Amino acid sequence: MLEEVERWLSTRSWSVNDRPLHRILAAKQRTGRTVSVVLPALNEEATVGDIVAVIRHDLMLQVPLVDELVVVDSGSTDRTSEVAAAAGARVVHRDGILPRLPAVPGKGEVLWRSLLVTRGDIVCFVDADLRDFSSDFVSGIVGPLLTDPDVDLVKAMYDRPLSTEFDSLASGKTAGQGGRVTELMARPLLNMHWPQLAGFVQPLGGEYAARRSLLEQLPFPVGYGVELGMLVDALHLVGLDALAQVDVGVRKHRHQDGQALGRMAAAIYRTAQLRLARGHLIRPSLTQFERSGDGFEPRTYSVDTEERPPMVDIAEYQARKAA
């Protein structure tokens, strides 16, 4: 590991307990910074309500840390929107944001568009499929952005039990299991090509917060590559010391099957490739196999290759800032 990364681990890796809530609130009052929390959601009826309810109760009603709580629904066919609204979130539908640009499927697309419907100086993203959610996920990663003016982006780090059978062992050897694409794709890529980012425990984690002034300058890969792309681009834009991570405990969520993870890995590799050389894939697709009858049936999926430009370049966003 680079000496720079070892130093970074000792100065920019914290625990949620390092910043008590009263200290974070005092910093918020002193700076006047506002905080928006965004949950990108697609068919998360089973979990989104509990997450919204916890954030609203702990960080809006009990203490005034979060100013805005928004769920961006990217086309759910279940009751995600109704459940989120009933729990107290403002629900916005992806296709209603910036309608002159037809939306494309993908998490990064939703995060990018969310900048147009939120106003917080600090924007915190939280995945909508988390179970046993704790508001520490929000206060932990927002805290350094309020108390440390030199920090621009903070990622959550946590143990990821592979399934509920590991939950009781969250502090043991199995605690880190579950981040399969991280270990097999993202971590090798980062260590080989961007070794300054080798200290991030969960580089692909969906829980992170950043200053709007940074987010609006970043391009957003529309799909699964958004987290890796954001880390790499932020490193080049603001430097390693402006990035940080906070240990928030254990993250429990729904796990995807191996083929879905393969498609995710392909999108992440494409994102890395674009940043390495802005190159061109001869065949931006991935063929996988499923057993059908007595043989295997090939199924080919396109790999996310589109990216949205920095939001600061969008006319509607510029007009809103000028208003």
C-alpha atoms as a PDB file:
ATOM      1  CA  MET A   1       0.000   0.000   0.000  1.00  0.00           C
ATOM      2  CA  LEU A   2       1.226   3.500  -0.819  1.00  0.00           C
ATOM      3  CA  GLU A   3       2.504   5.562   2.095  1.00  0.00           C
ATOM      4  CA  GLU A   4       0.005   8.223   1.063  1.00  0.00           C
ATOM      5  CA  VAL A   5      -2.829   5.737   1.509  1.00  0.00           C
ATOM      6  CA  GLU A   6      -1.538   4.563   4.890  1.00  0.00           C
ATOM      7  CA  ARG A   7      -1.484   8.176   6.047  1.00  0.00           C
ATOM      8  CA  TRP A   8      -4.972   8.714   4.590  1.00  0.00           C
ATOM      9  CA  LEU A   9      -6.310   5.701   6.479  1.00  0.00           C
ATOM     10  CA  SER A  10      -5.124   7.220   9.739  1.00  0.00           C
ATOM     11  CA  THR A  11      -6.460  10.717   9.014  1.00  0.00           C
ATOM     12  CA  ARG A  12      -9.547  10.235   6.828  1.00  0.00           C
ATOM     13  CA  SER A  13     -11.068   6.949   8.079  1.00  0.00           C
ATOM     14  CA  TRP A  14     -13.355   7.434  11.034  1.00  0.00           C
ATOM     15  CA  SER A  15     -16.016   5.731  13.116  1.00  0.00           C
ATOM     16  CA  VAL A  16     -19.553   7.027  13.485  1.00  0.00           C
ATOM     17  CA  ASN A  17     -18.737   7.423  17.195  1.00  0.00           C
ATOM     18  CA  ASP A  18     -16.005   9.966  16.443  1.00  0.00           C
ATOM     19  CA  ARG A  19     -18.601  12.679  15.886  1.00  0.00           C
ATOM     20  CA  PRO A  20     -21.432  12.715  18.426  1.00  0.00           C
ATOM     21  CA  LEU A  21     -24.690  14.011  17.049  1.00  0.00           C
ATOM     22  CA  HIS A  22     -24.581  17.172  19.177  1.00  0.00           C
ATOM     23  CA  ARG A  23     -21.238  18.093  17.607  1.00  0.00           C
ATOM     24  CA  ILE A  24     -22.605  17.548  14.104  1.00  0.00           C
ATOM     25  CA  LEU A  25     -25.682  19.670  14.862  1.00  0.00           C
ATOM     26  CA  ALA A  26     -23.542  22.455  16.296  1.00  0.00           C
ATOM     27  CA  ALA A  27     -21.460  22.467  13.114  1.00  0.00           C
ATOM     28  CA  LYS A  28     -24.630  22.559  10.989  1.00  0.00           C
ATOM     29  CA  GLN A  29     -25.965  25.534  12.903  1.00  0.00           C
ATOM     30  CA  ARG A  30     -22.600  27.303  12.725  1.00  0.00           C
ATOM     31  CA  THR A  31     -22.137  26.805   8.986  1.00  0.00           C
ATOM     32  CA  GLY A  32     -25.763  27.079   7.892  1.00  0.00           C
ATOM     33  CA  ARG A  33     -25.315  24.129   5.535  1.00  0.00           C
ATOM     34  CA  THR A  34     -28.430  22.230   4.489  1.00  0.00           C
ATOM     35  CA  VAL A  35     -28.690  18.466   4.003  1.00  0.00           C
ATOM     36  CA  SER A  36     -30.717  16.494   1.463  1.00  0.00           C
ATOM     37  CA  VAL A  37     -31.116  12.716   1.629  1.00  0.00           C
ATOM     38  CA  VAL A  38     -31.946  10.877  -1.589  1.00  0.00           C
ATOM     39  CA  LEU A  39     -33.160   7.284  -1.880  1.00  0.00           C
ATOM     40  CA  PRO A  40     -33.094   5.893  -5.429  1.00  0.00           C
ATOM     41  CA  ALA A  41     -35.798   3.237  -5.529  1.00  0.00           C
ATOM     42  CA  LEU A  42     -37.063   0.562  -7.902  1.00  0.00           C
ATOM     43  CA  ASN A  43     -39.576  -1.930  -6.496  1.00  0.00           C
ATOM     44  CA  GLU A  44     -38.476  -1.529  -2.871  1.00  0.00           C
ATOM     45  CA  GLU A  45     -41.905  -1.628  -1.257  1.00  0.00           C
ATOM     46  CA  ALA A  46     -40.683  -4.022   1.446  1.00  0.00           C
ATOM     47  CA  THR A  47     -37.909  -1.798   2.799  1.00  0.00           C
ATOM     48  CA  VAL A  48     -38.202   1.818   1.665  1.00  0.00           C
ATOM     49  CA  GLY A  49     -40.878   2.762   4.201  1.00  0.00           C
ATOM     50  CA  ASP A  50     -38.839   1.672   7.207  1.00  0.00           C
ATOM     51  CA  ILE A  51     -35.766   3.571   5.980  1.00  0.00           C
ATOM     52  CA  VAL A  52     -37.756   6.750   5.401  1.00  0.00           C
ATOM     53  CA  ALA A  53     -39.481   6.434   8.784  1.00  0.00           C
ATOM     54  CA  VAL A  54     -36.182   6.041  10.668  1.00  0.00           C
ATOM     55  CA  ILE A  55     -34.540   9.018   8.945  1.00  0.00           C
ATOM     56  CA  ARG A  56     -37.606  11.190   9.450  1.00  0.00           C
ATOM     57  CA  HIS A  57     -38.014  10.254  13.124  1.00  0.00           C
ATOM     58  CA  ASP A  58     -34.347  10.370  14.167  1.00  0.00           C
ATOM     59  CA  LEU A  59     -32.910  13.139  12.000  1.00  0.00           C
ATOM     60  CA  MET A  60     -35.827  15.421  11.152  1.00  0.00           C
ATOM     61  CA  LEU A  61     -38.277  15.266  14.061  1.00  0.00           C
ATOM     62  CA  GLN A  62     -36.009  14.464  17.005  1.00  0.00           C
ATOM     63  CA  VAL A  63     -33.057  16.531  15.772  1.00  0.00           C
ATOM     64  CA  PRO A  64     -32.941  18.925  12.792  1.00  0.00           C
ATOM     65  CA  LEU A  65     -30.082  17.380  10.825  1.00  0.00           C
ATOM     66  CA  VAL A  66     -31.836  16.456   7.558  1.00  0.00           C
ATOM     67  CA  ASP A  67     -33.674  19.267   5.773  1.00  0.00           C
ATOM     68  CA  GLU A  68     -35.022  17.310   2.822  1.00  0.00           C
ATOM     69  CA  LEU A  69     -35.869  13.629   2.315  1.00  0.00           C
ATOM     70  CA  VAL A  70     -36.583  12.583  -1.268  1.00  0.00           C
ATOM     71  CA  VAL A  71     -37.331   9.195  -2.809  1.00  0.00           C
ATOM     72  CA  VAL A  72     -36.764   9.096  -6.573  1.00  0.00           C
ATOM     73  CA  ASP A  73     -38.835   6.269  -8.040  1.00  0.00           C
ATOM     74  CA  SER A  74     -37.352   4.970 -11.272  1.00  0.00           C
ATOM     75  CA  GLY A  75     -40.440   3.123 -12.516  1.00  0.00           C
ATOM     76  CA  SER A  76     -41.575   0.806  -9.745  1.00  0.00           C
ATOM     77  CA  THR A  77     -44.429  -1.575 -10.477  1.00  0.00           C
ATOM     78  CA  ASP A  78     -45.171  -2.212  -6.809  1.00  0.00           C
ATOM     79  CA  ARG A  79     -46.261   0.217  -4.063  1.00  0.00           C
ATOM     80  CA  THR A  80     -42.832   1.798  -3.517  1.00  0.00           C
ATOM     81  CA  SER A  81     -44.081   5.344  -4.114  1.00  0.00           C
ATOM     82  CA  GLU A  82     -47.141   4.986  -1.891  1.00  0.00           C
ATOM     83  CA  VAL A  83     -45.190   3.398   0.958  1.00  0.00           C
ATOM     84  CA  ALA A  84     -42.438   6.022   0.797  1.00  0.00           C
ATOM     85  CA  ALA A  85     -44.916   8.900   0.764  1.00  0.00           C
ATOM     86  CA  ALA A  86     -46.893   7.441   3.662  1.00  0.00           C
ATOM     87  CA  ALA A  87     -43.687   7.196   5.691  1.00  0.00           C
ATOM     88  CA  GLY A  88     -42.977  10.889   5.156  1.00  0.00           C
ATOM     89  CA  ALA A  89     -40.762  11.235   2.101  1.00  0.00           C
ATOM     90  CA  ARG A  90     -41.299  13.516  -0.853  1.00  0.00           C
ATOM     91  CA  VAL A  91     -41.607  11.159  -3.804  1.00  0.00           C
ATOM     92  CA  VAL A  92     -40.466  12.260  -7.250  1.00  0.00           C
ATOM     93  CA  HIS A  93     -40.691  10.106 -10.358  1.00  0.00           C
ATOM     94  CA  ARG A  94     -37.580   9.854 -12.485  1.00  0.00           C
ATOM     95  CA  ASP A  95     -39.381  10.510 -15.767  1.00  0.00           C
ATOM     96  CA  GLY A  96     -40.783  13.782 -14.439  1.00  0.00           C
ATOM     97  CA  ILE A  97     -37.301  15.222 -13.903  1.00  0.00           C
ATOM     98  CA  LEU A  98     -35.750  16.955 -16.908  1.00  0.00           C
ATOM     99  CA  PRO A  99     -38.352  15.497 -19.302  1.00  0.00           C
ATOM    100  CA  ARG A 100     -36.646  16.915 -22.415  1.00  0.00           C
ATOM    101  CA  LEU A 101     -34.001  14.193 -21.958  1.00  0.00           C
ATOM    102  CA  PRO A 102     -35.626  10.742 -22.147  1.00  0.00           C
ATOM    103  CA  ALA A 103     -34.578   8.720 -19.124  1.00  0.00           C
ATOM    104  CA  VAL A 104     -32.552   5.553 -19.480  1.00  0.00           C
ATOM    105  CA  PRO A 105     -32.585   2.641 -17.012  1.00  0.00           C
ATOM    106  CA  GLY A 106     -29.939   2.697 -14.318  1.00  0.00           C
ATOM    107  CA  LYS A 107     -29.126   3.823 -10.819  1.00  0.00           C
ATOM    108  CA  GLY A 108     -26.661   6.491 -11.922  1.00  0.00           C
ATOM    109  CA  GLU A 109     -29.365   8.093 -14.058  1.00  0.00           C
ATOM    110  CA  VAL A 110     -31.574   8.467 -10.979  1.00  0.00           C
ATOM    111  CA  LEU A 111     -28.799   9.923  -8.826  1.00  0.00           C
ATOM    112  CA  TRP A 112     -27.875  12.425 -11.545  1.00  0.00           C
ATOM    113  CA  ARG A 113     -31.450  13.610 -11.990  1.00  0.00           C
ATOM    114  CA  SER A 114     -31.917  13.910  -8.223  1.00  0.00           C
ATOM    115  CA  LEU A 115     -29.620  16.945  -8.218  1.00  0.00           C
ATOM    116  CA  LEU A 116     -32.351  18.850 -10.069  1.00  0.00           C
ATOM    117  CA  VAL A 117     -35.038  18.140  -7.458  1.00  0.00           C
ATOM    118  CA  THR A 118     -33.004  18.682  -4.288  1.00  0.00           C
ATOM    119  CA  ARG A 119     -31.468  21.834  -2.866  1.00  0.00           C
ATOM    120  CA  GLY A 120     -29.222  20.751   0.000  1.00  0.00           C
ATOM    121  CA  ASP A 121     -25.630  21.979   0.161  1.00  0.00           C
ATOM    122  CA  ILE A 122     -24.818  18.387   1.110  1.00  0.00           C
ATOM    123  CA  VAL A 123     -26.475  15.482  -0.704  1.00  0.00           C
ATOM    124  CA  CYS A 124     -26.569  12.059   0.946  1.00  0.00           C
ATOM    125  CA  PHE A 125     -27.442   8.949  -1.084  1.00  0.00           C
ATOM    126  CA  VAL A 126     -28.874   5.849   0.621  1.00  0.00           C
ATOM    127  CA  ASP A 127     -29.908   2.623  -1.128  1.00  0.00           C
ATOM    128  CA  ALA A 128     -33.573   1.755  -0.612  1.00  0.00           C
ATOM    129  CA  ASP A 129     -33.139  -1.999  -0.061  1.00  0.00           C
ATOM    130  CA  LEU A 130     -31.446  -1.883   3.363  1.00  0.00           C
ATOM    131  CA  ARG A 131     -32.827  -3.930   6.244  1.00  0.00           C
ATOM    132  CA  ASP A 132     -32.543  -3.122   9.970  1.00  0.00           C
ATOM    133  CA  PHE A 133     -31.620   0.421   8.949  1.00  0.00           C
ATOM    134  CA  SER A 134     -29.934   2.792  11.384  1.00  0.00           C
ATOM    135  CA  SER A 135     -29.860   6.566  11.022  1.00  0.00           C
ATOM    136  CA  ASP A 136     -26.127   6.294  11.781  1.00  0.00           C
ATOM    137  CA  PHE A 137     -25.745   5.610   8.066  1.00  0.00           C
ATOM    138  CA  VAL A 138     -26.820   9.194   7.400  1.00  0.00           C
ATOM    139  CA  SER A 139     -25.372  11.078  10.357  1.00  0.00           C
ATOM    140  CA  GLY A 140     -22.106   9.137  10.079  1.00  0.00           C
ATOM    141  CA  ILE A 141     -21.349  10.163   6.503  1.00  0.00           C
ATOM    142  CA  VAL A 142     -22.860  13.642   6.663  1.00  0.00           C
ATOM    143  CA  GLY A 143     -20.967  14.496   9.849  1.00  0.00           C
ATOM    144  CA  PRO A 144     -17.480  15.044   8.388  1.00  0.00           C
ATOM    145  CA  LEU A 145     -18.892  17.287   5.649  1.00  0.00           C
ATOM    146  CA  LEU A 146     -20.294  19.577   8.344  1.00  0.00           C
ATOM    147  CA  THR A 147     -17.357  19.508  10.754  1.00  0.00           C
ATOM    148  CA  ASP A 148     -14.421  19.378   8.301  1.00  0.00           C
ATOM    149  CA  PRO A 149     -14.445  22.001   5.533  1.00  0.00           C
ATOM    150  CA  ASP A 150     -11.630  20.229   3.659  1.00  0.00           C
ATOM    151  CA  VAL A 151     -13.708  17.059   3.107  1.00  0.00           C
ATOM    152  CA  ASP A 152     -15.868  16.913  -0.033  1.00  0.00           C
ATOM    153  CA  LEU A 153     -17.053  13.285  -0.262  1.00  0.00           C
ATOM    154  CA  VAL A 154     -17.595  10.624   2.407  1.00  0.00           C
ATOM    155  CA  LYS A 155     -18.383   6.948   1.833  1.00  0.00           C
ATOM    156  CA  ALA A 156     -19.838   4.587   4.409  1.00  0.00           C
ATOM    157  CA  MET A 157     -17.845   1.493   5.275  1.00  0.00           C
ATOM    158  CA  TYR A 158     -19.383  -1.507   6.978  1.00  0.00           C
ATOM    159  CA  ASP A 159     -19.489  -5.270   7.303  1.00  0.00           C
ATOM    160  CA  ARG A 160     -21.643  -6.999   4.684  1.00  0.00           C
ATOM    161  CA  PRO A 161     -22.968 -10.366   5.867  1.00  0.00           C
ATOM    162  CA  LEU A 162     -23.602 -12.569   2.839  1.00  0.00           C
ATOM    163  CA  SER A 163     -26.981 -13.663   4.197  1.00  0.00           C
ATOM    164  CA  THR A 164     -28.978 -13.726   7.420  1.00  0.00           C
ATOM    165  CA  GLU A 165     -27.165 -16.848   8.569  1.00  0.00           C
ATOM    166  CA  PHE A 166     -24.093 -14.653   9.019  1.00  0.00           C
ATOM    167  CA  ASP A 167     -25.814 -11.831  10.844  1.00  0.00           C
ATOM    168  CA  SER A 168     -24.860 -13.116  14.285  1.00  0.00           C
ATOM    169  CA  LEU A 169     -21.247 -13.300  13.155  1.00  0.00           C
ATOM    170  CA  ALA A 170     -21.037  -9.729  11.913  1.00  0.00           C
ATOM    171  CA  SER A 171     -17.901  -9.079  13.961  1.00  0.00           C
ATOM    172  CA  GLY A 172     -16.159 -12.299  12.925  1.00  0.00           C
ATOM    173  CA  LYS A 173     -14.427 -13.654   9.848  1.00  0.00           C
ATOM    174  CA  THR A 174     -17.598 -13.813   7.750  1.00  0.00           C
ATOM    175  CA  ALA A 175     -18.525 -10.183   8.395  1.00  0.00           C
ATOM    176  CA  GLY A 176     -16.915  -8.869   5.234  1.00  0.00           C
ATOM    177  CA  GLN A 177     -18.592 -11.328   2.882  1.00  0.00           C
ATOM    178  CA  GLY A 178     -21.172 -10.131   0.426  1.00  0.00           C
ATOM    179  CA  GLY A 179     -19.201  -7.561  -1.567  1.00  0.00           C
ATOM    180  CA  ARG A 180     -18.471  -9.993  -4.360  1.00  0.00           C
ATOM    181  CA  VAL A 181     -18.217  -7.513  -7.228  1.00  0.00           C
ATOM    182  CA  THR A 182     -16.087  -5.295  -5.020  1.00  0.00           C
ATOM    183  CA  GLU A 183     -13.578  -8.052  -4.304  1.00  0.00           C
ATOM    184  CA  LEU A 184     -13.521  -9.625  -7.769  1.00  0.00           C
ATOM    185  CA  MET A 185     -13.700  -6.514  -9.952  1.00  0.00           C
ATOM    186  CA  ALA A 186     -13.599  -3.088  -8.305  1.00  0.00           C
ATOM    187  CA  ARG A 187     -10.829  -3.622  -5.755  1.00  0.00           C
ATOM    188  CA  PRO A 188      -8.364  -5.135  -8.252  1.00  0.00           C
ATOM    189  CA  LEU A 189      -9.095  -2.313 -10.713  1.00  0.00           C
ATOM    190  CA  LEU A 190      -8.570   0.375  -8.111  1.00  0.00           C
ATOM    191  CA  ASN A 191      -5.403  -1.168  -6.704  1.00  0.00           C
ATOM    192  CA  MET A 192      -3.847  -1.549 -10.144  1.00  0.00           C
ATOM    193  CA  HIS A 193      -4.932   1.671 -11.812  1.00  0.00           C
ATOM    194  CA  TRP A 194      -5.842   4.118  -9.032  1.00  0.00           C
ATOM    195  CA  PRO A 195      -3.816   2.901  -6.024  1.00  0.00           C
ATOM    196  CA  GLN A 196      -4.595   6.103  -4.136  1.00  0.00           C
ATOM    197  CA  LEU A 197      -8.137   4.744  -3.748  1.00  0.00           C
ATOM    198  CA  ALA A 198      -7.004   1.370  -2.387  1.00  0.00           C
ATOM    199  CA  GLY A 199      -7.927   2.387   1.159  1.00  0.00           C
ATOM    200  CA  PHE A 200     -11.670   2.474   0.553  1.00  0.00           C
ATOM    201  CA  VAL A 201     -13.309  -0.479   2.286  1.00  0.00           C
ATOM    202  CA  GLN A 202     -16.569  -0.282   0.310  1.00  0.00           C
ATOM    203  CA  PRO A 203     -15.795   1.580  -2.923  1.00  0.00           C
ATOM    204  CA  LEU A 204     -19.046   0.388  -4.543  1.00  0.00           C
ATOM    205  CA  GLY A 205     -21.259   1.030  -1.518  1.00  0.00           C
ATOM    206  CA  GLY A 206     -24.450   2.957  -2.203  1.00  0.00           C
ATOM    207  CA  GLU A 207     -24.314   5.044   0.967  1.00  0.00           C
ATOM    208  CA  TYR A 208     -22.242   8.193   0.575  1.00  0.00           C
ATOM    209  CA  ALA A 209     -22.553  11.942   0.928  1.00  0.00           C
ATOM    210  CA  ALA A 210     -20.901  14.802  -0.898  1.00  0.00           C
ATOM    211  CA  ARG A 211     -20.995  18.518  -1.303  1.00  0.00           C
ATOM    212  CA  ARG A 212     -23.290  19.648  -4.081  1.00  0.00           C
ATOM    213  CA  SER A 213     -20.454  21.820  -5.367  1.00  0.00           C
ATOM    214  CA  LEU A 214     -18.552  18.607  -6.149  1.00  0.00           C
ATOM    215  CA  LEU A 215     -21.445  16.476  -7.410  1.00  0.00           C
ATOM    216  CA  GLU A 216     -22.569  19.063  -9.929  1.00  0.00           C
ATOM    217  CA  GLN A 217     -19.116  18.971 -11.568  1.00  0.00           C
ATOM    218  CA  LEU A 218     -18.983  15.183 -12.006  1.00  0.00           C
ATOM    219  CA  PRO A 219     -20.187  13.102 -14.956  1.00  0.00           C
ATOM    220  CA  PHE A 220     -22.545  10.301 -13.893  1.00  0.00           C
ATOM    221  CA  PRO A 221     -22.371   6.860 -15.519  1.00  0.00           C
ATOM    222  CA  VAL A 222     -26.033   5.979 -15.906  1.00  0.00           C
ATOM    223  CA  GLY A 223     -25.791   2.443 -14.524  1.00  0.00           C
ATOM    224  CA  TYR A 224     -23.883   0.353 -11.988  1.00  0.00           C
ATOM    225  CA  GLY A 225     -20.588   2.097 -12.727  1.00  0.00           C
ATOM    226  CA  VAL A 226     -21.679   5.292 -11.004  1.00  0.00           C
ATOM    227  CA  GLU A 227     -19.966   4.625  -7.670  1.00  0.00           C
ATOM    228  CA  LEU A 228     -16.594   3.691  -9.132  1.00  0.00           C
ATOM    229  CA  GLY A 229     -16.762   6.514 -11.658  1.00  0.00           C
ATOM    230  CA  MET A 230     -17.588   9.037  -8.963  1.00  0.00           C
ATOM    231  CA  LEU A 231     -14.647   7.977  -6.784  1.00  0.00           C
ATOM    232  CA  VAL A 232     -12.149   8.125  -9.632  1.00  0.00           C
ATOM    233  CA  ASP A 233     -13.418  11.450 -10.952  1.00  0.00           C
ATOM    234  CA  ALA A 234     -13.544  12.994  -7.470  1.00  0.00           C
ATOM    235  CA  LEU A 235      -9.961  11.895  -6.849  1.00  0.00           C
ATOM    236  CA  HIS A 236      -8.810  13.737  -9.964  1.00  0.00           C
ATOM    237  CA  LEU A 237     -10.949  16.790  -9.241  1.00  0.00           C
ATOM    238  CA  VAL A 238     -10.354  17.412  -5.530  1.00  0.00           C
ATOM    239  CA  GLY A 239      -7.569  15.018  -4.448  1.00  0.00           C
ATOM    240  CA  LEU A 240      -7.376  12.158  -1.975  1.00  0.00           C
ATOM    241  CA  ASP A 241      -7.437  14.276   1.186  1.00  0.00           C
ATOM    242  CA  ALA A 242     -10.875  15.621   0.240  1.00  0.00           C
ATOM    243  CA  LEU A 243     -12.251  12.055   0.330  1.00  0.00           C
ATOM    244  CA  ALA A 244     -13.049  10.098   3.493  1.00  0.00           C
ATOM    245  CA  GLN A 245     -14.900   7.077   4.881  1.00  0.00           C
ATOM    246  CA  VAL A 246     -16.816   6.366   8.083  1.00  0.00           C
ATOM    247  CA  ASP A 247     -17.484   3.009   9.741  1.00  0.00           C
ATOM    248  CA  VAL A 248     -21.228   2.734  10.366  1.00  0.00           C
ATOM    249  CA  GLY A 249     -21.405  -0.908  11.459  1.00  0.00           C
ATOM    250  CA  VAL A 250     -23.267  -3.579   9.483  1.00  0.00           C
ATOM    251  CA  ARG A 251     -25.161  -3.298   6.198  1.00  0.00           C
ATOM    252  CA  LYS A 252     -27.914  -5.821   5.482  1.00  0.00           C
ATOM    253  CA  HIS A 253     -29.631  -5.808   2.131  1.00  0.00           C
ATOM    254  CA  ARG A 254     -31.010  -7.952  -0.645  1.00  0.00           C
ATOM    255  CA  HIS A 255     -28.329  -9.874  -2.556  1.00  0.00           C
ATOM    256  CA  GLN A 256     -28.411 -10.426  -6.310  1.00  0.00           C
ATOM    257  CA  ASP A 257     -27.739 -13.632  -8.166  1.00  0.00           C
ATOM    258  CA  GLY A 258     -24.471 -14.401  -9.920  1.00  0.00           C
ATOM    259  CA  GLN A 259     -25.622 -13.397 -13.384  1.00  0.00           C
ATOM    260  CA  ALA A 260     -26.856 -10.016 -12.199  1.00  0.00           C
ATOM    261  CA  LEU A 261     -23.485  -9.515 -10.531  1.00  0.00           C
ATOM    262  CA  GLY A 262     -21.788 -10.392 -13.825  1.00  0.00           C
ATOM    263  CA  ARG A 263     -23.681  -7.634 -15.582  1.00  0.00           C
ATOM    264  CA  MET A 264     -22.780  -5.250 -12.795  1.00  0.00           C
ATOM    265  CA  ALA A 265     -19.104  -6.175 -13.099  1.00  0.00           C
ATOM    266  CA  ALA A 266     -19.176  -5.583 -16.852  1.00  0.00           C
ATOM    267  CA  ALA A 267     -20.602  -2.092 -16.374  1.00  0.00           C
ATOM    268  CA  ILE A 268     -17.984  -1.299 -13.746  1.00  0.00           C
ATOM    269  CA  TYR A 269     -15.187  -2.502 -16.006  1.00  0.00           C
ATOM    270  CA  ARG A 270     -16.546  -0.326 -18.819  1.00  0.00           C
ATOM    271  CA  THR A 271     -16.601   2.683 -16.501  1.00  0.00           C
ATOM    272  CA  ALA A 272     -12.991   2.025 -15.551  1.00  0.00           C
ATOM    273  CA  GLN A 273     -11.982   1.570 -19.164  1.00  0.00           C
ATOM    274  CA  LEU A 274     -13.460   4.915 -20.161  1.00  0.00           C
ATOM    275  CA  ARG A 275     -11.489   6.619 -17.438  1.00  0.00           C
ATOM    276  CA  LEU A 276      -8.270   4.857 -18.302  1.00  0.00           C
ATOM    277  CA  ALA A 277      -8.202   5.793 -21.951  1.00  0.00           C
ATOM    278  CA  ARG A 278     -11.618   7.076 -22.992  1.00  0.00           C
ATOM    279  CA  GLY A 279     -11.354   4.088 -25.243  1.00  0.00           C
ATOM    280  CA  HIS A 280     -13.878   2.216 -27.334  1.00  0.00           C
ATOM    281  CA  LEU A 281     -15.143  -1.279 -26.647  1.00  0.00           C
ATOM    282  CA  ILE A 282     -15.443  -3.284 -29.844  1.00  0.00           C
ATOM    283  CA  ARG A 283     -18.403  -5.104 -28.363  1.00  0.00           C
ATOM    284  CA  PRO A 284     -20.028  -3.358 -25.370  1.00  0.00           C
ATOM    285  CA  SER A 285     -22.119  -6.379 -24.441  1.00  0.00           C
ATOM    286  CA  LEU A 286     -21.973  -9.421 -22.195  1.00  0.00           C
ATOM    287  CA  THR A 287     -23.155 -12.932 -23.045  1.00  0.00           C
ATOM    288  CA  GLN A 288     -24.188 -15.197 -20.174  1.00  0.00           C
ATOM    289  CA  PHE A 289     -25.619 -18.711 -20.163  1.00  0.00           C
ATOM    290  CA  GLU A 290     -28.699 -20.259 -18.594  1.00  0.00           C
ATOM    291  CA  ARG A 291     -29.599 -23.923 -18.674  1.00  0.00           C
ATOM    292  CA  SER A 292     -32.613 -24.588 -20.850  1.00  0.00           C
ATOM    293  CA  GLY A 293     -33.810 -28.160 -21.260  1.00  0.00           C
ATOM    294  CA  ASP A 294     -30.766 -30.317 -21.967  1.00  0.00           C
ATOM    295  CA  GLY A 295     -28.408 -27.519 -22.895  1.00  0.00           C
ATOM    296  CA  PHE A 296     -27.353 -23.963 -22.211  1.00  0.00           C
ATOM    297  CA  GLU A 297     -29.027 -20.968 -23.773  1.00  0.00           C
ATOM    298  CA  PRO A 298     -26.941 -17.850 -24.416  1.00  0.00           C
ATOM    299  CA  ARG A 299     -28.407 -14.528 -23.388  1.00  0.00           C
ATOM    300  CA  THR A 300     -26.690 -11.300 -24.358  1.00  0.00           C
ATOM    301  CA  TYR A 301     -27.053  -8.047 -22.449  1.00  0.00           C
ATOM    302  CA  SER A 302     -25.833  -4.601 -23.395  1.00  0.00           C
ATOM    303  CA  VAL A 303     -23.287  -3.022 -21.055  1.00  0.00           C
ATOM    304  CA  ASP A 304     -24.027   0.452 -19.709  1.00  0.00           C
ATOM    305  CA  THR A 305     -21.891   2.803 -21.791  1.00  0.00           C
ATOM    306  CA  GLU A 306     -23.760   6.086 -21.528  1.00  0.00           C
ATOM    307  CA  GLU A 307     -22.791   8.839 -19.114  1.00  0.00           C
ATOM    308  CA  ARG A 308     -24.601  12.012 -18.176  1.00  0.00           C
ATOM    309  CA  PRO A 309     -22.564  15.236 -18.275  1.00  0.00           C
ATOM    310  CA  PRO A 310     -21.814  17.280 -15.160  1.00  0.00           C
ATOM    311  CA  MET A 311     -25.097  18.738 -13.937  1.00  0.00           C
ATOM    312  CA  VAL A 312     -23.576  22.217 -13.878  1.00  0.00           C
ATOM    313  CA  ASP A 313     -23.591  22.053 -17.713  1.00  0.00           C
ATOM    314  CA  ILE A 314     -27.368  21.510 -17.902  1.00  0.00           C
ATOM    315  CA  ALA A 315     -29.310  24.669 -18.809  1.00  0.00           C
ATOM    316  CA  GLU A 316     -32.218  23.925 -16.454  1.00  0.00           C
ATOM    317  CA  TYR A 317     -29.814  23.489 -13.532  1.00  0.00           C
ATOM    318  CA  GLN A 318     -27.985  26.711 -14.385  1.00  0.00           C
ATOM    319  CA  ALA A 319     -31.312  28.541 -14.500  1.00  0.00           C
ATOM    320  CA  ARG A 320     -32.308  27.174 -11.105  1.00  0.00           C
ATOM    321  CA  LYS A 321     -29.010  28.275  -9.555  1.00  0.00           C
ATOM    322  CA  ALA A 322     -29.418  31.741 -11.005  1.00  0.00           C
ATOM    323  CA  ALA A 323     -32.982  32.094  -9.703  1.00  0.00           C
END
